[in-house]
Amino acid sequence: MIRLATQADGERFARTHPLWGIDCECALEGCGKRHTLYTTCLLGTEPSFVSRLLLSANPSVACLGSHPAKFREGRMKAYRLG
């Protein structure tokens, strides 16, 4: 989701919705290419929940192996950036 906001609103949002990185490995057999996706989530969210949210969103990401990336929970690691 892309949201436009004034600076004050953006700073308030960043305090309650920190930035997360999610390192993913394409689970398509024989691929294993690595991707990093970014999102925001409510403060206090557990990393495993962030990974499950990404899976439930079923993102469409072009893999470097010239196919749509396939993600699985066991091949993802979420970490808070901010």
PDB file of N, CA and C in Angstrom:
ATOM      1  N   MET A   1       0.847  -1.170   0.000  1.00  0.00           N
ATOM      2  CA  MET A   1       0.000   0.000   0.000  1.00  0.00           C
ATOM      3  C   MET A   1       0.892   1.232   0.000  1.00  0.00           C
ATOM      4  N   ILE A   2       0.593   2.194  -0.812  1.00  0.00           N
ATOM      5  CA  ILE A   2       1.319   3.463  -0.840  1.00  0.00           C
ATOM      6  C   ILE A   2       0.381   4.523  -0.304  1.00  0.00           C
ATOM      7  N   ARG A   3       0.851   5.247   0.685  1.00  0.00           N
ATOM      8  CA  ARG A   3       0.002   6.269   1.296  1.00  0.00           C
ATOM      9  C   ARG A   3       0.774   7.590   1.293  1.00  0.00           C
ATOM     10  N   LEU A   4       0.138   8.643   0.811  1.00  0.00           N
ATOM     11  CA  LEU A   4       0.708   9.977   0.862  1.00  0.00           C
ATOM     12  C   LEU A   4       0.250  10.648   2.143  1.00  0.00           C
ATOM     13  N   ALA A   5       1.162  11.316   2.834  1.00  0.00           N
ATOM     14  CA  ALA A   5       0.814  11.956   4.100  1.00  0.00           C
ATOM     15  C   ALA A   5       1.703  13.168   4.306  1.00  0.00           C
ATOM     16  N   THR A   6       1.253  14.068   5.169  1.00  0.00           N
ATOM     17  CA  THR A   6       2.115  15.179   5.544  1.00  0.00           C
ATOM     18  C   THR A   6       3.244  14.633   6.397  1.00  0.00           C
ATOM     19  N   GLN A   7       4.293  15.404   6.576  1.00  0.00           N
ATOM     20  CA  GLN A   7       5.438  14.922   7.347  1.00  0.00           C
ATOM     21  C   GLN A   7       5.035  14.550   8.771  1.00  0.00           C
ATOM     22  N   ALA A   8       4.220  15.369   9.429  1.00  0.00           N
ATOM     23  CA  ALA A   8       3.801  15.079  10.801  1.00  0.00           C
ATOM     24  C   ALA A   8       3.021  13.762  10.853  1.00  0.00           C
ATOM     25  N   ASP A   9       2.112  13.548   9.896  1.00  0.00           N
ATOM     26  CA  ASP A   9       1.359  12.300   9.856  1.00  0.00           C
ATOM     27  C   ASP A   9       2.291  11.127   9.576  1.00  0.00           C
ATOM     28  N   GLY A  10       3.237  11.306   8.680  1.00  0.00           N
ATOM     29  CA  GLY A  10       4.189  10.248   8.343  1.00  0.00           C
ATOM     30  C   GLY A  10       5.048   9.858   9.528  1.00  0.00           C
ATOM     31  N   GLU A  11       5.503  10.837  10.305  1.00  0.00           N
ATOM     32  CA  GLU A  11       6.317  10.546  11.486  1.00  0.00           C
ATOM     33  C   GLU A  11       5.491   9.796  12.528  1.00  0.00           C
ATOM     34  N   ARG A  12       4.252  10.171  12.721  1.00  0.00           N
ATOM     35  CA  ARG A  12       3.374   9.497  13.677  1.00  0.00           C
ATOM     36  C   ARG A  12       3.120   8.060  13.221  1.00  0.00           C
ATOM     37  N   PHE A  13       2.876   7.873  11.946  1.00  0.00           N
ATOM     38  CA  PHE A  13       2.647   6.540  11.396  1.00  0.00           C
ATOM     39  C   PHE A  13       3.889   5.666  11.583  1.00  0.00           C
ATOM     40  N   ALA A  14       5.080   6.216  11.343  1.00  0.00           N
ATOM     41  CA  ALA A  14       6.329   5.460  11.481  1.00  0.00           C
ATOM     42  C   ALA A  14       6.557   5.012  12.919  1.00  0.00           C
ATOM     43  N   ARG A  15       6.113   5.791  13.892  1.00  0.00           N
ATOM     44  CA  ARG A  15       6.282   5.401  15.300  1.00  0.00           C
ATOM     45  C   ARG A  15       5.383   4.225  15.674  1.00  0.00           C
ATOM     46  N   THR A  16       4.219   4.134  15.061  1.00  0.00           N
ATOM     47  CA  THR A  16       3.281   3.060  15.399  1.00  0.00           C
ATOM     48  C   THR A  16       3.340   1.887  14.426  1.00  0.00           C
ATOM     49  N   HIS A  17       3.947   2.084  13.254  1.00  0.00           N
ATOM     50  CA  HIS A  17       4.043   1.057  12.211  1.00  0.00           C
ATOM     51  C   HIS A  17       5.482   1.004  11.692  1.00  0.00           C
ATOM     52  N   PRO A  18       6.401   0.381  12.442  1.00  0.00           N
ATOM     53  CA  PRO A  18       7.791   0.356  12.003  1.00  0.00           C
ATOM     54  C   PRO A  18       7.983  -0.425  10.701  1.00  0.00           C
ATOM     55  N   LEU A  19       9.100  -0.144  10.053  1.00  0.00           N
ATOM     56  CA  LEU A  19       9.453  -0.797   8.797  1.00  0.00           C
ATOM     57  C   LEU A  19      10.052  -2.176   9.085  1.00  0.00           C
ATOM     58  N   TRP A  20       9.633  -3.154   8.309  1.00  0.00           N
ATOM     59  CA  TRP A  20      10.137  -4.522   8.421  1.00  0.00           C
ATOM     60  C   TRP A  20      10.763  -4.944   7.096  1.00  0.00           C
ATOM     61  N   GLY A  21      11.811  -5.735   7.170  1.00  0.00           N
ATOM     62  CA  GLY A  21      12.381  -6.404   6.007  1.00  0.00           C
ATOM     63  C   GLY A  21      12.060  -7.882   6.125  1.00  0.00           C
ATOM     64  N   ILE A  22      11.810  -8.530   5.012  1.00  0.00           N
ATOM     65  CA  ILE A  22      11.533  -9.961   5.010  1.00  0.00           C
ATOM     66  C   ILE A  22      12.438 -10.589   3.954  1.00  0.00           C
ATOM     67  N   ASP A  23      13.441 -11.335   4.426  1.00  0.00           N
ATOM     68  CA  ASP A  23      14.322 -12.051   3.513  1.00  0.00           C
ATOM     69  C   ASP A  23      13.634 -13.342   3.116  1.00  0.00           C
ATOM     70  N   CYS A  24      13.520 -13.579   1.815  1.00  0.00           N
ATOM     71  CA  CYS A  24      12.799 -14.740   1.304  1.00  0.00           C
ATOM     72  C   CYS A  24      13.686 -15.477   0.310  1.00  0.00           C
ATOM     73  N   GLU A  25      13.503 -16.769   0.268  1.00  0.00           N
ATOM     74  CA  GLU A  25      14.165 -17.601  -0.725  1.00  0.00           C
ATOM     75  C   GLU A  25      13.081 -18.201  -1.602  1.00  0.00           C
ATOM     76  N   CYS A  26      13.235 -18.107  -2.902  1.00  0.00           N
ATOM     77  CA  CYS A  26      12.236 -18.680  -3.806  1.00  0.00           C
ATOM     78  C   CYS A  26      12.187 -20.186  -3.572  1.00  0.00           C
ATOM     79  N   ALA A  27      10.982 -20.692  -3.303  1.00  0.00           N
ATOM     80  CA  ALA A  27      10.796 -22.102  -2.974  1.00  0.00           C
ATOM     81  C   ALA A  27      10.512 -22.968  -4.194  1.00  0.00           C
ATOM     82  N   LEU A  28      10.566 -22.374  -5.384  1.00  0.00           N
ATOM     83  CA  LEU A  28      10.368 -23.179  -6.580  1.00  0.00           C
ATOM     84  C   LEU A  28      11.532 -24.159  -6.689  1.00  0.00           C
ATOM     85  N   GLU A  29      11.238 -25.409  -6.944  1.00  0.00           N
ATOM     86  CA  GLU A  29      12.270 -26.443  -6.967  1.00  0.00           C
ATOM     87  C   GLU A  29      13.415 -26.069  -7.901  1.00  0.00           C
ATOM     88  N   GLY A  30      14.621 -26.116  -7.379  1.00  0.00           N
ATOM     89  CA  GLY A  30      15.810 -25.833  -8.170  1.00  0.00           C
ATOM     90  C   GLY A  30      16.162 -24.356  -8.280  1.00  0.00           C
ATOM     91  N   CYS A  31      15.389 -23.452  -7.670  1.00  0.00           N
ATOM     92  CA  CYS A  31      15.682 -22.018  -7.799  1.00  0.00           C
ATOM     93  C   CYS A  31      16.509 -21.526  -6.611  1.00  0.00           C
ATOM     94  N   GLY A  32      15.854 -21.196  -5.502  1.00  0.00           N
ATOM     95  CA  GLY A  32      16.567 -20.736  -4.314  1.00  0.00           C
ATOM     96  C   GLY A  32      17.067 -19.302  -4.371  1.00  0.00           C
ATOM     97  N   LYS A  33      16.665 -18.523  -5.375  1.00  0.00           N
ATOM     98  CA  LYS A  33      17.089 -17.117  -5.457  1.00  0.00           C
ATOM     99  C   LYS A  33      16.533 -16.348  -4.262  1.00  0.00           C
ATOM    100  N   ARG A  34      17.307 -15.372  -3.781  1.00  0.00           N
ATOM    101  CA  ARG A  34      16.945 -14.612  -2.592  1.00  0.00           C
ATOM    102  C   ARG A  34      16.302 -13.285  -2.970  1.00  0.00           C
ATOM    103  N   HIS A  35      15.308 -12.887  -2.168  1.00  0.00           N
ATOM    104  CA  HIS A  35      14.598 -11.624  -2.340  1.00  0.00           C
ATOM    105  C   HIS A  35      14.442 -10.983  -0.972  1.00  0.00           C
ATOM    106  N   THR A  36      14.392  -9.658  -0.924  1.00  0.00           N
ATOM    107  CA  THR A  36      14.045  -8.945   0.298  1.00  0.00           C
ATOM    108  C   THR A  36      12.855  -8.060  -0.017  1.00  0.00           C
ATOM    109  N   LEU A  37      11.784  -8.243   0.755  1.00  0.00           N
ATOM    110  CA  LEU A  37      10.574  -7.442   0.608  1.00  0.00           C
ATOM    111  C   LEU A  37      10.447  -6.563   1.841  1.00  0.00           C
ATOM    112  N   TYR A  38       9.783  -5.416   1.701  1.00  0.00           N
ATOM    113  CA  TYR A  38       9.640  -4.469   2.801  1.00  0.00           C
ATOM    114  C   TYR A  38       8.174  -4.151   3.029  1.00  0.00           C
ATOM    115  N   THR A  39       7.816  -3.967   4.301  1.00  0.00           N
ATOM    116  CA  THR A  39       6.446  -3.631   4.659  1.00  0.00           C
ATOM    117  C   THR A  39       6.443  -2.902   5.995  1.00  0.00           C
ATOM    118  N   THR A  40       5.298  -2.405   6.381  1.00  0.00           N
ATOM    119  CA  THR A  40       5.116  -1.848   7.721  1.00  0.00           C
ATOM    120  C   THR A  40       4.100  -2.713   8.441  1.00  0.00           C
ATOM    121  N   CYS A  41       4.193  -2.718   9.763  1.00  0.00           N
ATOM    122  CA  CYS A  41       3.268  -3.488  10.578  1.00  0.00           C
ATOM    123  C   CYS A  41       3.188  -2.810  11.936  1.00  0.00           C
ATOM    124  N   LEU A  42       2.127  -3.055  12.667  1.00  0.00           N
ATOM    125  CA  LEU A  42       1.950  -2.431  13.970  1.00  0.00           C
ATOM    126  C   LEU A  42       3.111  -2.723  14.911  1.00  0.00           C
ATOM    127  N   LEU A  43       3.456  -1.753  15.727  1.00  0.00           N
ATOM    128  CA  LEU A  43       4.485  -1.901  16.748  1.00  0.00           C
ATOM    129  C   LEU A  43       4.116  -3.071  17.656  1.00  0.00           C
ATOM    130  N   GLY A  44       5.076  -3.885  18.007  1.00  0.00           N
ATOM    131  CA  GLY A  44       4.838  -5.020  18.888  1.00  0.00           C
ATOM    132  C   GLY A  44       4.492  -6.313  18.165  1.00  0.00           C
ATOM    133  N   THR A  45       4.468  -6.290  16.846  1.00  0.00           N
ATOM    134  CA  THR A  45       4.151  -7.474  16.059  1.00  0.00           C
ATOM    135  C   THR A  45       5.337  -8.436  16.080  1.00  0.00           C
ATOM    136  N   GLU A  46       5.056  -9.709  16.150  1.00  0.00           N
ATOM    137  CA  GLU A  46       6.092 -10.740  16.136  1.00  0.00           C
ATOM    138  C   GLU A  46       6.570 -10.996  14.701  1.00  0.00           C
ATOM    139  N   PRO A  47       7.868 -11.288  14.515  1.00  0.00           N
ATOM    140  CA  PRO A  47       8.394 -11.554  13.168  1.00  0.00           C
ATOM    141  C   PRO A  47       7.655 -12.673  12.429  1.00  0.00           C
ATOM    142  N   SER A  48       7.283 -13.735  13.118  1.00  0.00           N
ATOM    143  CA  SER A  48       6.585 -14.835  12.444  1.00  0.00           C
ATOM    144  C   SER A  48       5.223 -14.388  11.908  1.00  0.00           C
ATOM    145  N   PHE A  49       4.571 -13.451  12.607  1.00  0.00           N
ATOM    146  CA  PHE A  49       3.288 -12.926  12.150  1.00  0.00           C
ATOM    147  C   PHE A  49       3.474 -12.105  10.872  1.00  0.00           C
ATOM    148  N   VAL A  50       4.561 -11.323  10.804  1.00  0.00           N
ATOM    149  CA  VAL A  50       4.845 -10.517   9.607  1.00  0.00           C
ATOM    150  C   VAL A  50       5.034 -11.445   8.403  1.00  0.00           C
ATOM    151  N   SER A  51       5.758 -12.539   8.594  1.00  0.00           N
ATOM    152  CA  SER A  51       5.960 -13.507   7.507  1.00  0.00           C
ATOM    153  C   SER A  51       4.637 -14.114   7.060  1.00  0.00           C
ATOM    154  N   ARG A  52       3.785 -14.488   8.015  1.00  0.00           N
ATOM    155  CA  ARG A  52       2.486 -15.072   7.665  1.00  0.00           C
ATOM    156  C   ARG A  52       1.598 -14.064   6.934  1.00  0.00           C
ATOM    157  N   LEU A  53       1.681 -12.789   7.340  1.00  0.00           N
ATOM    158  CA  LEU A  53       0.908 -11.759   6.638  1.00  0.00           C
ATOM    159  C   LEU A  53       1.340 -11.655   5.180  1.00  0.00           C
ATOM    160  N   LEU A  54       2.653 -11.705   4.957  1.00  0.00           N
ATOM    161  CA  LEU A  54       3.149 -11.643   3.585  1.00  0.00           C
ATOM    162  C   LEU A  54       2.615 -12.825   2.784  1.00  0.00           C
ATOM    163  N   LEU A  55       2.659 -14.010   3.351  1.00  0.00           N
ATOM    164  CA  LEU A  55       2.152 -15.189   2.642  1.00  0.00           C
ATOM    165  C   LEU A  55       0.671 -15.064   2.343  1.00  0.00           C
ATOM    166  N   SER A  56      -0.097 -14.539   3.289  1.00  0.00           N
ATOM    167  CA  SER A  56      -1.537 -14.410   3.073  1.00  0.00           C
ATOM    168  C   SER A  56      -1.858 -13.372   2.001  1.00  0.00           C
ATOM    169  N   ALA A  57      -0.958 -12.405   1.803  1.00  0.00           N
ATOM    170  CA  ALA A  57      -1.166 -11.399   0.755  1.00  0.00           C
ATOM    171  C   ALA A  57      -0.876 -11.970  -0.629  1.00  0.00           C
ATOM    172  N   ASN A  58      -0.177 -13.115  -0.675  1.00  0.00           N
ATOM    173  CA  ASN A  58       0.155 -13.782  -1.928  1.00  0.00           C
ATOM    174  C   ASN A  58       0.751 -12.804  -2.954  1.00  0.00           C
ATOM    175  N   PRO A  59       1.904 -12.198  -2.610  1.00  0.00           N
ATOM    176  CA  PRO A  59       2.473 -11.196  -3.508  1.00  0.00           C
ATOM    177  C   PRO A  59       2.961 -11.802  -4.818  1.00  0.00           C
ATOM    178  N   SER A  60       2.876 -11.031  -5.870  1.00  0.00           N
ATOM    179  CA  SER A  60       3.389 -11.449  -7.171  1.00  0.00           C
ATOM    180  C   SER A  60       4.724 -10.753  -7.381  1.00  0.00           C
ATOM    181  N   VAL A  61       5.791 -11.527  -7.308  1.00  0.00           N
ATOM    182  CA  VAL A  61       7.147 -10.987  -7.422  1.00  0.00           C
ATOM    183  C   VAL A  61       7.855 -11.749  -8.534  1.00  0.00           C
ATOM    184  N   ALA A  62       8.464 -11.017  -9.457  1.00  0.00           N
ATOM    185  CA  ALA A  62       9.225 -11.657 -10.521  1.00  0.00           C
ATOM    186  C   ALA A  62      10.556 -12.125  -9.948  1.00  0.00           C
ATOM    187  N   CYS A  63      10.827 -13.408 -10.053  1.00  0.00           N
ATOM    188  CA  CYS A  63      12.069 -13.970  -9.534  1.00  0.00           C
ATOM    189  C   CYS A  63      13.190 -13.734 -10.551  1.00  0.00           C
ATOM    190  N   LEU A  64      14.395 -13.683 -10.062  1.00  0.00           N
ATOM    191  CA  LEU A  64      15.550 -13.513 -10.942  1.00  0.00           C
ATOM    192  C   LEU A  64      15.754 -14.729 -11.838  1.00  0.00           C
ATOM    193  N   GLY A  65      15.081 -15.827 -11.513  1.00  0.00           N
ATOM    194  CA  GLY A  65      15.150 -17.027 -12.336  1.00  0.00           C
ATOM    195  C   GLY A  65      14.117 -17.030 -13.451  1.00  0.00           C
ATOM    196  N   SER A  66      13.560 -15.882 -13.807  1.00  0.00           N
ATOM    197  CA  SER A  66      12.596 -15.707 -14.906  1.00  0.00           C
ATOM    198  C   SER A  66      11.281 -16.461 -14.707  1.00  0.00           C
ATOM    199  N   HIS A  67      10.774 -16.460 -13.474  1.00  0.00           N
ATOM    200  CA  HIS A  67       9.482 -17.059 -13.158  1.00  0.00           C
ATOM    201  C   HIS A  67       8.913 -16.301 -11.967  1.00  0.00           C
ATOM    202  N   PRO A  68       7.628 -16.459 -11.670  1.00  0.00           N
ATOM    203  CA  PRO A  68       7.081 -15.833 -10.457  1.00  0.00           C
ATOM    204  C   PRO A  68       7.686 -16.505  -9.221  1.00  0.00           C
ATOM    205  N   ALA A  69       8.131 -15.709  -8.280  1.00  0.00           N
ATOM    206  CA  ALA A  69       8.709 -16.256  -7.045  1.00  0.00           C
ATOM    207  C   ALA A  69       7.636 -16.993  -6.255  1.00  0.00           C
ATOM    208  N   LYS A  70       8.033 -18.069  -5.617  1.00  0.00           N
ATOM    209  CA  LYS A  70       7.132 -18.862  -4.782  1.00  0.00           C
ATOM    210  C   LYS A  70       7.679 -18.798  -3.360  1.00  0.00           C
ATOM    211  N   PHE A  71       6.846 -18.366  -2.407  1.00  0.00           N
ATOM    212  CA  PHE A  71       7.313 -18.186  -1.039  1.00  0.00           C
ATOM    213  C   PHE A  71       6.695 -19.225  -0.112  1.00  0.00           C
ATOM    214  N   ARG A  72       7.493 -19.677   0.857  1.00  0.00           N
ATOM    215  CA  ARG A  72       7.042 -20.599   1.903  1.00  0.00           C
ATOM    216  C   ARG A  72       7.541 -20.083   3.235  1.00  0.00           C
ATOM    217  N   GLU A  73       6.756 -20.271   4.282  1.00  0.00           N
ATOM    218  CA  GLU A  73       7.072 -19.728   5.604  1.00  0.00           C
ATOM    219  C   GLU A  73       8.433 -20.199   6.119  1.00  0.00           C
ATOM    220  N   GLY A  74       8.798 -21.430   5.907  1.00  0.00           N
ATOM    221  CA  GLY A  74      10.075 -21.941   6.395  1.00  0.00           C
ATOM    222  C   GLY A  74      11.285 -21.333   5.721  1.00  0.00           C
ATOM    223  N   ARG A  75      11.080 -20.621   4.633  1.00  0.00           N
ATOM    224  CA  ARG A  75      12.177 -20.009   3.882  1.00  0.00           C
ATOM    225  C   ARG A  75      12.108 -18.483   3.917  1.00  0.00           C
ATOM    226  N   MET A  76      11.543 -17.959   5.022  1.00  0.00           N
ATOM    227  CA  MET A  76      11.405 -16.515   5.175  1.00  0.00           C
ATOM    228  C   MET A  76      11.880 -16.111   6.565  1.00  0.00           C
ATOM    229  N   LYS A  77      12.474 -14.915   6.650  1.00  0.00           N
ATOM    230  CA  LYS A  77      12.875 -14.385   7.951  1.00  0.00           C
ATOM    231  C   LYS A  77      12.551 -12.891   7.976  1.00  0.00           C
ATOM    232  N   ALA A  78      11.662 -12.497   8.882  1.00  0.00           N
ATOM    233  CA  ALA A  78      11.268 -11.096   9.022  1.00  0.00           C
ATOM    234  C   ALA A  78      12.085 -10.457  10.150  1.00  0.00           C
ATOM    235  N   TYR A  79      12.440  -9.193   9.970  1.00  0.00           N
ATOM    236  CA  TYR A  79      13.200  -8.453  10.980  1.00  0.00           C
ATOM    237  C   TYR A  79      12.788  -6.982  10.924  1.00  0.00           C
ATOM    238  N   ARG A  80      12.735  -6.392  12.089  1.00  0.00           N
ATOM    239  CA  ARG A  80      12.320  -4.988  12.194  1.00  0.00           C
ATOM    240  C   ARG A  80      13.490  -4.075  11.856  1.00  0.00           C
ATOM    241  N   LEU A  81      13.240  -3.089  11.008  1.00  0.00           N
ATOM    242  CA  LEU A  81      14.266  -2.131  10.592  1.00  0.00           C
ATOM    243  C   LEU A  81      14.178  -0.823  11.368  1.00  0.00           C
ATOM    244  N   GLY A  82      13.018  -0.476  11.831  1.00  0.00           N
ATOM    245  CA  GLY A  82      12.884   0.810  12.491  1.00  0.00           C
ATOM    246  C   GLY A  82      11.994   0.769  13.688  1.00  0.00           C
TER     247      GLY A  82
END
